[in-house]
């Protein structure tokens, strides 16, 4: 199985991409990418997971939007469960400018055979797609009191917070099951953070977010509902988040 993370550019921005692959019972980083055109993203997925190849695509974007106005059920639930952590998500409906772009990605993935799985049989090979949201996932995986604020603010503060996220990924995801195995691709990505500016820092952020998406996808596939929570459903839209992680979950 391969697990692809897509930190999707909702309007016109570039999308961070990451591919994790199970090797020797660990999740190895196979690839990082950054692409602008959604059609290129679909091609990227198709190249890494050609027909009949098993894999899961985890997308940080509302790919299922049934409501013309208002707020989706999963968006409301993120505020219910994660609002106190500042991790509620942006409301989605079909009148939002981003809706055609994000839902089209979901349709394109379905056309490649990646079915939505708001429920899943743990460790069953298949071709799947899910919607994820990194902030609540980080709250759960890293046992945070607040989100890591690396997206906005002064450059120095953003660098510091991004380095904090890097440290948590290295300390926690390498000890959970499935276990993330870091390699030279990771080192090459994070090494420039202390001096990165502007667009360069944003591109690093996007690819790290994509890795978190891919890991959440792998965690969902490996544990299913036993250690994850589905906010919403296939009809209303849904977001997969890990259940609260405890020390007993490490290498279990």
C-alpha atoms as a PDB file:
ATOM      1  CA  UNK A   1       0.000   0.000   0.000  1.00  0.00           C
ATOM      2  CA  UNK A   2       0.985   3.574  -0.719  1.00  0.00           C
ATOM      3  CA  UNK A   3      -0.480   6.571   1.071  1.00  0.00           C
ATOM      4  CA  UNK A   4      -0.620   9.884  -0.767  1.00  0.00           C
ATOM      5  CA  UNK A   5      -1.139  13.151   1.078  1.00  0.00           C
ATOM      6  CA  UNK A   6      -2.491  16.174  -0.781  1.00  0.00           C
ATOM      7  CA  UNK A   7      -2.383  19.567   0.927  1.00  0.00           C
ATOM      8  CA  UNK A   8      -4.653  20.970  -1.744  1.00  0.00           C
ATOM      9  CA  UNK A   9      -4.608  24.590  -2.886  1.00  0.00           C
ATOM     10  CA  UNK A  10      -8.294  25.409  -2.465  1.00  0.00           C
ATOM     11  CA  UNK A  11      -8.368  28.397  -4.834  1.00  0.00           C
ATOM     12  CA  UNK A  12      -5.306  28.908  -7.003  1.00  0.00           C
ATOM     13  CA  UNK A  13      -2.258  28.129  -4.893  1.00  0.00           C
ATOM     14  CA  UNK A  14       0.170  25.263  -5.222  1.00  0.00           C
ATOM     15  CA  UNK A  15      -0.526  21.941  -3.518  1.00  0.00           C
ATOM     16  CA  UNK A  16       1.976  20.121  -1.329  1.00  0.00           C
ATOM     17  CA  UNK A  17       2.208  16.399  -2.029  1.00  0.00           C
ATOM     18  CA  UNK A  18       3.737  13.458  -0.187  1.00  0.00           C
ATOM     19  CA  UNK A  19       3.888   9.724  -0.847  1.00  0.00           C
ATOM     20  CA  UNK A  20       4.437   7.238   1.990  1.00  0.00           C
ATOM     21  CA  UNK A  21       4.987   3.577   1.218  1.00  0.00           C
ATOM     22  CA  UNK A  22       4.975   0.584   3.551  1.00  0.00           C
ATOM     23  CA  UNK A  23       8.436  -1.004   3.538  1.00  0.00           C
ATOM     24  CA  UNK A  24       9.565  -3.550   6.143  1.00  0.00           C
ATOM     25  CA  UNK A  25       6.567  -2.731   8.361  1.00  0.00           C
ATOM     26  CA  UNK A  26       7.426   0.985   8.333  1.00  0.00           C
ATOM     27  CA  UNK A  27       6.159   4.006   6.410  1.00  0.00           C
ATOM     28  CA  UNK A  28       8.979   5.254   4.227  1.00  0.00           C
ATOM     29  CA  UNK A  29       8.907   8.686   2.581  1.00  0.00           C
ATOM     30  CA  UNK A  30       8.966   7.881  -1.123  1.00  0.00           C
ATOM     31  CA  UNK A  31       8.378  11.332  -2.576  1.00  0.00           C
ATOM     32  CA  UNK A  32       7.639  15.015  -1.925  1.00  0.00           C
ATOM     33  CA  UNK A  33       6.228  17.269  -4.629  1.00  0.00           C
ATOM     34  CA  UNK A  34       4.642  20.658  -5.182  1.00  0.00           C
ATOM     35  CA  UNK A  35       2.210  21.152  -8.081  1.00  0.00           C
ATOM     36  CA  UNK A  36       0.015  24.058  -9.153  1.00  0.00           C
ATOM     37  CA  UNK A  37      -2.492  22.606 -11.631  1.00  0.00           C
ATOM     38  CA  UNK A  38      -5.103  20.181 -10.193  1.00  0.00           C
ATOM     39  CA  UNK A  39      -4.888  18.168 -13.414  1.00  0.00           C
ATOM     40  CA  UNK A  40      -1.193  17.618 -12.717  1.00  0.00           C
ATOM     41  CA  UNK A  41      -2.097  16.384  -9.241  1.00  0.00           C
ATOM     42  CA  UNK A  42      -4.477  13.811 -10.690  1.00  0.00           C
ATOM     43  CA  UNK A  43      -1.732  12.709 -13.096  1.00  0.00           C
ATOM     44  CA  UNK A  44       0.713  12.483 -10.159  1.00  0.00           C
ATOM     45  CA  UNK A  45      -1.709  10.218  -8.296  1.00  0.00           C
ATOM     46  CA  UNK A  46      -2.288   8.096 -11.391  1.00  0.00           C
ATOM     47  CA  UNK A  47       1.448   7.659 -11.951  1.00  0.00           C
ATOM     48  CA  UNK A  48       2.140   6.607  -8.365  1.00  0.00           C
ATOM     49  CA  UNK A  49      -0.990   4.462  -8.127  1.00  0.00           C
ATOM     50  CA  UNK A  50      -1.777   3.197 -11.620  1.00  0.00           C
ATOM     51  CA  UNK A  51      -4.831   1.043 -12.282  1.00  0.00           C
ATOM     52  CA  UNK A  52      -5.279  -1.834  -9.807  1.00  0.00           C
ATOM     53  CA  UNK A  53      -2.420  -0.614  -7.572  1.00  0.00           C
ATOM     54  CA  UNK A  54      -3.571  -0.439  -3.952  1.00  0.00           C
ATOM     55  CA  UNK A  55      -3.375   2.881  -2.172  1.00  0.00           C
ATOM     56  CA  UNK A  56      -5.155   5.652  -0.290  1.00  0.00           C
ATOM     57  CA  UNK A  57      -5.272   9.367  -1.102  1.00  0.00           C
ATOM     58  CA  UNK A  58      -5.810  11.697   1.876  1.00  0.00           C
ATOM     59  CA  UNK A  59      -6.869  15.214   0.838  1.00  0.00           C
ATOM     60  CA  UNK A  60      -6.925  18.358   2.942  1.00  0.00           C
ATOM     61  CA  UNK A  61      -9.885  19.952   1.158  1.00  0.00           C
ATOM     62  CA  UNK A  62     -13.684  19.583   1.127  1.00  0.00           C
ATOM     63  CA  UNK A  63     -14.128  17.064  -1.683  1.00  0.00           C
ATOM     64  CA  UNK A  64     -17.732  16.214  -0.711  1.00  0.00           C
ATOM     65  CA  UNK A  65     -19.991  19.283  -0.453  1.00  0.00           C
ATOM     66  CA  UNK A  66     -23.733  18.534  -0.623  1.00  0.00           C
ATOM     67  CA  UNK A  67     -25.041  21.833   0.794  1.00  0.00           C
ATOM     68  CA  UNK A  68     -25.764  24.865  -1.371  1.00  0.00           C
ATOM     69  CA  UNK A  69     -25.356  27.283   1.540  1.00  0.00           C
ATOM     70  CA  UNK A  70     -24.371  27.268   5.193  1.00  0.00           C
ATOM     71  CA  UNK A  71     -21.926  24.871   6.759  1.00  0.00           C
ATOM     72  CA  UNK A  72     -21.314  21.161   6.264  1.00  0.00           C
ATOM     73  CA  UNK A  73     -21.848  18.728   9.127  1.00  0.00           C
ATOM     74  CA  UNK A  74     -18.124  17.845   9.415  1.00  0.00           C
ATOM     75  CA  UNK A  75     -17.190  21.512   9.567  1.00  0.00           C
ATOM     76  CA  UNK A  76     -19.593  22.063  12.462  1.00  0.00           C
ATOM     77  CA  UNK A  77     -18.215  19.001  14.221  1.00  0.00           C
ATOM     78  CA  UNK A  78     -14.628  20.251  13.994  1.00  0.00           C
ATOM     79  CA  UNK A  79     -15.724  23.363  15.869  1.00  0.00           C
ATOM     80  CA  UNK A  80     -17.604  21.249  18.419  1.00  0.00           C
ATOM     81  CA  UNK A  81     -14.675  18.961  19.167  1.00  0.00           C
ATOM     82  CA  UNK A  82     -11.693  21.141  18.319  1.00  0.00           C
ATOM     83  CA  UNK A  83     -12.810  24.751  18.618  1.00  0.00           C
ATOM     84  CA  UNK A  84     -11.159  25.117  22.023  1.00  0.00           C
ATOM     85  CA  UNK A  85      -7.857  24.143  20.374  1.00  0.00           C
ATOM     86  CA  UNK A  86      -8.401  26.790  17.622  1.00  0.00           C
ATOM     87  CA  UNK A  87      -8.713  23.894  15.146  1.00  0.00           C
ATOM     88  CA  UNK A  88     -12.185  24.390  13.715  1.00  0.00           C
ATOM     89  CA  UNK A  89     -12.211  24.305   9.922  1.00  0.00           C
ATOM     90  CA  UNK A  90     -13.381  26.809   7.333  1.00  0.00           C
ATOM     91  CA  UNK A  91     -17.058  26.320   6.388  1.00  0.00           C
ATOM     92  CA  UNK A  92     -17.722  24.846   2.955  1.00  0.00           C
ATOM     93  CA  UNK A  93     -20.770  25.087   0.709  1.00  0.00           C
ATOM     94  CA  UNK A  94     -21.373  24.976  -3.028  1.00  0.00           C
ATOM     95  CA  UNK A  95     -21.528  28.769  -3.284  1.00  0.00           C
ATOM     96  CA  UNK A  96     -17.961  29.201  -2.069  1.00  0.00           C
ATOM     97  CA  UNK A  97     -15.464  30.105  -4.828  1.00  0.00           C
ATOM     98  CA  UNK A  98     -13.311  27.074  -4.053  1.00  0.00           C
ATOM     99  CA  UNK A  99     -16.135  24.509  -4.255  1.00  0.00           C
ATOM    100  CA  UNK A 100     -15.858  23.604  -7.976  1.00  0.00           C
ATOM    101  CA  UNK A 101     -12.113  23.085  -7.629  1.00  0.00           C
ATOM    102  CA  UNK A 102     -12.164  20.965  -4.478  1.00  0.00           C
ATOM    103  CA  UNK A 103     -15.148  18.798  -5.410  1.00  0.00           C
ATOM    104  CA  UNK A 104     -13.729  18.200  -8.891  1.00  0.00           C
ATOM    105  CA  UNK A 105     -10.633  16.674  -7.313  1.00  0.00           C
ATOM    106  CA  UNK A 106     -12.862  14.223  -5.467  1.00  0.00           C
ATOM    107  CA  UNK A 107     -14.702  13.349  -8.688  1.00  0.00           C
ATOM    108  CA  UNK A 108     -11.418  12.913 -10.575  1.00  0.00           C
ATOM    109  CA  UNK A 109     -10.105  10.547  -7.902  1.00  0.00           C
ATOM    110  CA  UNK A 110     -13.346   8.565  -8.007  1.00  0.00           C
ATOM    111  CA  UNK A 111     -12.933   8.264 -11.780  1.00  0.00           C
ATOM    112  CA  UNK A 112      -9.543   6.634 -11.103  1.00  0.00           C
ATOM    113  CA  UNK A 113     -11.220   4.124  -8.790  1.00  0.00           C
ATOM    114  CA  UNK A 114     -10.536   5.759  -5.414  1.00  0.00           C
ATOM    115  CA  UNK A 115     -13.786   5.400  -3.480  1.00  0.00           C
ATOM    116  CA  UNK A 116     -14.665   7.441  -0.404  1.00  0.00           C
ATOM    117  CA  UNK A 117     -14.330   5.475   2.839  1.00  0.00           C
ATOM    118  CA  UNK A 118     -15.898   7.236   5.857  1.00  0.00           C
ATOM    119  CA  UNK A 119     -15.902   3.661   7.207  1.00  0.00           C
ATOM    120  CA  UNK A 120     -13.158   1.142   6.446  1.00  0.00           C
ATOM    121  CA  UNK A 121     -12.085  -2.410   7.169  1.00  0.00           C
ATOM    122  CA  UNK A 122      -8.700  -2.030   8.830  1.00  0.00           C
ATOM    123  CA  UNK A 123      -5.716  -3.167   6.752  1.00  0.00           C
ATOM    124  CA  UNK A 124      -7.840  -4.260   3.800  1.00  0.00           C
ATOM    125  CA  UNK A 125      -6.066  -3.456   0.510  1.00  0.00           C
ATOM    126  CA  UNK A 126      -8.032  -1.232  -1.836  1.00  0.00           C
ATOM    127  CA  UNK A 127      -8.167   2.081  -3.659  1.00  0.00           C
ATOM    128  CA  UNK A 128      -9.498   4.721  -1.317  1.00  0.00           C
ATOM    129  CA  UNK A 129      -9.795   8.459  -0.776  1.00  0.00           C
ATOM    130  CA  UNK A 130     -10.615  10.390   2.385  1.00  0.00           C
ATOM    131  CA  UNK A 131     -10.825  13.998   3.506  1.00  0.00           C
ATOM    132  CA  UNK A 132      -8.485  14.976   6.339  1.00  0.00           C
ATOM    133  CA  UNK A 133      -7.629  18.162   8.228  1.00  0.00           C
ATOM    134  CA  UNK A 134      -4.084  18.455   9.634  1.00  0.00           C
ATOM    135  CA  UNK A 135      -4.787  20.776  12.594  1.00  0.00           C
ATOM    136  CA  UNK A 136      -7.184  18.454  14.494  1.00  0.00           C
ATOM    137  CA  UNK A 137      -5.014  15.491  13.538  1.00  0.00           C
ATOM    138  CA  UNK A 138      -1.987  17.196  15.106  1.00  0.00           C
ATOM    139  CA  UNK A 139      -3.978  18.055  18.241  1.00  0.00           C
ATOM    140  CA  UNK A 140      -4.809  14.380  18.664  1.00  0.00           C
ATOM    141  CA  UNK A 141      -1.514  12.812  17.571  1.00  0.00           C
ATOM    142  CA  UNK A 142       0.703  15.240  19.494  1.00  0.00           C
ATOM    143  CA  UNK A 143      -1.611  15.794  22.508  1.00  0.00           C
ATOM    144  CA  UNK A 144      -1.640  19.571  21.985  1.00  0.00           C
ATOM    145  CA  UNK A 145      -3.402  22.223  24.072  1.00  0.00           C
ATOM    146  CA  UNK A 146      -3.532  24.530  21.020  1.00  0.00           C
ATOM    147  CA  UNK A 147      -2.715  24.227  17.345  1.00  0.00           C
ATOM    148  CA  UNK A 148       0.841  24.857  16.199  1.00  0.00           C
ATOM    149  CA  UNK A 149       0.681  28.349  14.696  1.00  0.00           C
ATOM    150  CA  UNK A 150       3.109  28.094  11.795  1.00  0.00           C
ATOM    151  CA  UNK A 151       0.743  29.460   9.148  1.00  0.00           C
ATOM    152  CA  UNK A 152       0.493  33.138  10.104  1.00  0.00           C
ATOM    153  CA  UNK A 153       2.442  35.774  11.969  1.00  0.00           C
ATOM    154  CA  UNK A 154       5.954  37.137  11.922  1.00  0.00           C
ATOM    155  CA  UNK A 155       8.511  35.234   9.903  1.00  0.00           C
ATOM    156  CA  UNK A 156      10.622  34.330  12.916  1.00  0.00           C
ATOM    157  CA  UNK A 157       7.606  33.044  14.825  1.00  0.00           C
ATOM    158  CA  UNK A 158       6.466  30.953  11.866  1.00  0.00           C
ATOM    159  CA  UNK A 159       9.905  29.395  11.523  1.00  0.00           C
ATOM    160  CA  UNK A 160       9.986  28.610  15.234  1.00  0.00           C
ATOM    161  CA  UNK A 161       6.540  27.012  15.188  1.00  0.00           C
ATOM    162  CA  UNK A 162       7.333  25.018  12.048  1.00  0.00           C
ATOM    163  CA  UNK A 163      10.487  23.721  13.702  1.00  0.00           C
ATOM    164  CA  UNK A 164       8.346  22.751  16.678  1.00  0.00           C
ATOM    165  CA  UNK A 165       6.104  20.752  14.328  1.00  0.00           C
ATOM    166  CA  UNK A 166       9.167  19.100  12.791  1.00  0.00           C
ATOM    167  CA  UNK A 167      10.330  18.088  16.258  1.00  0.00           C
ATOM    168  CA  UNK A 168       6.952  16.560  17.119  1.00  0.00           C
ATOM    169  CA  UNK A 169       6.826  14.616  13.869  1.00  0.00           C
ATOM    170  CA  UNK A 170      10.295  13.251  14.554  1.00  0.00           C
ATOM    171  CA  UNK A 171       9.540  12.437  18.203  1.00  0.00           C
ATOM    172  CA  UNK A 172       6.002  11.041  17.904  1.00  0.00           C
ATOM    173  CA  UNK A 173       5.209   9.659  14.457  1.00  0.00           C
ATOM    174  CA  UNK A 174       8.390   7.587  14.527  1.00  0.00           C
ATOM    175  CA  UNK A 175       7.108   5.816  17.673  1.00  0.00           C
ATOM    176  CA  UNK A 176       3.474   5.138  16.769  1.00  0.00           C
ATOM    177  CA  UNK A 177       2.068   2.268  14.744  1.00  0.00           C
ATOM    178  CA  UNK A 178       2.263   2.499  11.784  1.00  0.00           C
ATOM    179  CA  UNK A 179       5.771   3.854  12.328  1.00  0.00           C
ATOM    180  CA  UNK A 180       7.073   6.700  10.192  1.00  0.00           C
ATOM    181  CA  UNK A 181      10.634   6.159   8.960  1.00  0.00           C
ATOM    182  CA  UNK A 182      12.420   9.408   8.181  1.00  0.00           C
ATOM    183  CA  UNK A 183      15.098   9.545   5.489  1.00  0.00           C
ATOM    184  CA  UNK A 184      17.180  11.932   3.402  1.00  0.00           C
ATOM    185  CA  UNK A 185      14.059  13.324   1.709  1.00  0.00           C
ATOM    186  CA  UNK A 186      12.864  14.568   5.082  1.00  0.00           C
ATOM    187  CA  UNK A 187      16.277  15.944   6.007  1.00  0.00           C
ATOM    188  CA  UNK A 188      16.522  17.781   2.688  1.00  0.00           C
ATOM    189  CA  UNK A 189      13.049  19.284   3.183  1.00  0.00           C
ATOM    190  CA  UNK A 190      13.448  20.598   6.737  1.00  0.00           C
ATOM    191  CA  UNK A 191      17.107  21.632   6.727  1.00  0.00           C
ATOM    192  CA  UNK A 192      16.440  25.110   5.175  1.00  0.00           C
ATOM    193  CA  UNK A 193      13.711  26.106   7.685  1.00  0.00           C
ATOM    194  CA  UNK A 194      15.914  28.291   9.957  1.00  0.00           C
ATOM    195  CA  UNK A 195      16.719  30.669   7.089  1.00  0.00           C
ATOM    196  CA  UNK A 196      13.763  30.156   4.707  1.00  0.00           C
ATOM    197  CA  UNK A 197      11.708  33.199   3.726  1.00  0.00           C
ATOM    198  CA  UNK A 198       8.412  33.932   1.998  1.00  0.00           C
ATOM    199  CA  UNK A 199       7.510  31.498  -0.737  1.00  0.00           C
ATOM    200  CA  UNK A 200      10.271  29.080   0.204  1.00  0.00           C
ATOM    201  CA  UNK A 201       8.946  28.703   3.754  1.00  0.00           C
ATOM    202  CA  UNK A 202       5.365  28.325   2.485  1.00  0.00           C
ATOM    203  CA  UNK A 203       6.439  25.535   0.128  1.00  0.00           C
ATOM    204  CA  UNK A 204       8.103  23.675   2.992  1.00  0.00           C
ATOM    205  CA  UNK A 205       4.950  24.083   5.102  1.00  0.00           C
ATOM    206  CA  UNK A 206       2.778  22.691   2.305  1.00  0.00           C
ATOM    207  CA  UNK A 207       4.870  19.558   1.914  1.00  0.00           C
ATOM    208  CA  UNK A 208       5.035  18.944   5.661  1.00  0.00           C
ATOM    209  CA  UNK A 209       1.237  19.296   5.768  1.00  0.00           C
ATOM    210  CA  UNK A 210       1.047  16.757   2.942  1.00  0.00           C
ATOM    211  CA  UNK A 211       3.131  14.332   4.996  1.00  0.00           C
ATOM    212  CA  UNK A 212       0.717  14.737   7.921  1.00  0.00           C
ATOM    213  CA  UNK A 213      -2.195  14.076   5.536  1.00  0.00           C
ATOM    214  CA  UNK A 214      -0.509  10.946   4.220  1.00  0.00           C
ATOM    215  CA  UNK A 215       0.231   9.723   7.737  1.00  0.00           C
ATOM    216  CA  UNK A 216      -3.390  10.239   8.823  1.00  0.00           C
ATOM    217  CA  UNK A 217      -4.428   8.223   5.772  1.00  0.00           C
ATOM    218  CA  UNK A 218      -2.083   5.400   6.771  1.00  0.00           C
ATOM    219  CA  UNK A 219      -3.308   5.558  10.378  1.00  0.00           C
ATOM    220  CA  UNK A 220      -6.927   5.316   9.176  1.00  0.00           C
ATOM    221  CA  UNK A 221      -6.150   2.354   6.932  1.00  0.00           C
ATOM    222  CA  UNK A 222      -4.153   0.545   9.623  1.00  0.00           C
ATOM    223  CA  UNK A 223      -6.524   1.027  12.573  1.00  0.00           C
ATOM    224  CA  UNK A 224      -9.902   1.913  11.065  1.00  0.00           C
ATOM    225  CA  UNK A 225     -12.576   3.014  13.518  1.00  0.00           C
ATOM    226  CA  UNK A 226     -10.696   1.443  16.455  1.00  0.00           C
ATOM    227  CA  UNK A 227      -8.337   4.432  16.735  1.00  0.00           C
ATOM    228  CA  UNK A 228      -9.951   7.078  14.545  1.00  0.00           C
ATOM    229  CA  UNK A 229     -13.066   9.209  14.413  1.00  0.00           C
ATOM    230  CA  UNK A 230     -15.242  10.059  11.415  1.00  0.00           C
ATOM    231  CA  UNK A 231     -16.742  13.542  11.601  1.00  0.00           C
ATOM    232  CA  UNK A 232     -19.796  13.409   9.338  1.00  0.00           C
ATOM    233  CA  UNK A 233     -20.730  10.816   6.720  1.00  0.00           C
ATOM    234  CA  UNK A 234     -20.594  10.115   2.995  1.00  0.00           C
ATOM    235  CA  UNK A 235     -23.760  12.092   2.287  1.00  0.00           C
ATOM    236  CA  UNK A 236     -23.011  15.149   4.427  1.00  0.00           C
ATOM    237  CA  UNK A 237     -19.266  15.195   3.882  1.00  0.00           C
ATOM    238  CA  UNK A 238     -16.765  13.803   6.351  1.00  0.00           C
ATOM    239  CA  UNK A 239     -13.327  14.358   7.869  1.00  0.00           C
ATOM    240  CA  UNK A 240     -11.185  11.574   9.327  1.00  0.00           C
ATOM    241  CA  UNK A 241      -9.230  12.399  12.491  1.00  0.00           C
ATOM    242  CA  UNK A 242      -7.195  10.110  14.750  1.00  0.00           C
ATOM    243  CA  UNK A 243      -8.649   9.311  18.155  1.00  0.00           C
ATOM    244  CA  UNK A 244      -6.730  10.694  21.152  1.00  0.00           C
ATOM    245  CA  UNK A 245      -3.298   9.072  21.285  1.00  0.00           C
ATOM    246  CA  UNK A 246      -1.955   7.816  24.619  1.00  0.00           C
ATOM    247  CA  UNK A 247       1.435   6.478  25.580  1.00  0.00           C
ATOM    248  CA  UNK A 248       0.046   2.943  25.380  1.00  0.00           C
ATOM    249  CA  UNK A 249      -0.520   3.428  21.644  1.00  0.00           C
ATOM    250  CA  UNK A 250       3.188   3.670  20.920  1.00  0.00           C
ATOM    251  CA  UNK A 251       4.432   0.606  19.046  1.00  0.00           C
ATOM    252  CA  UNK A 252       1.216  -1.270  19.875  1.00  0.00           C
END
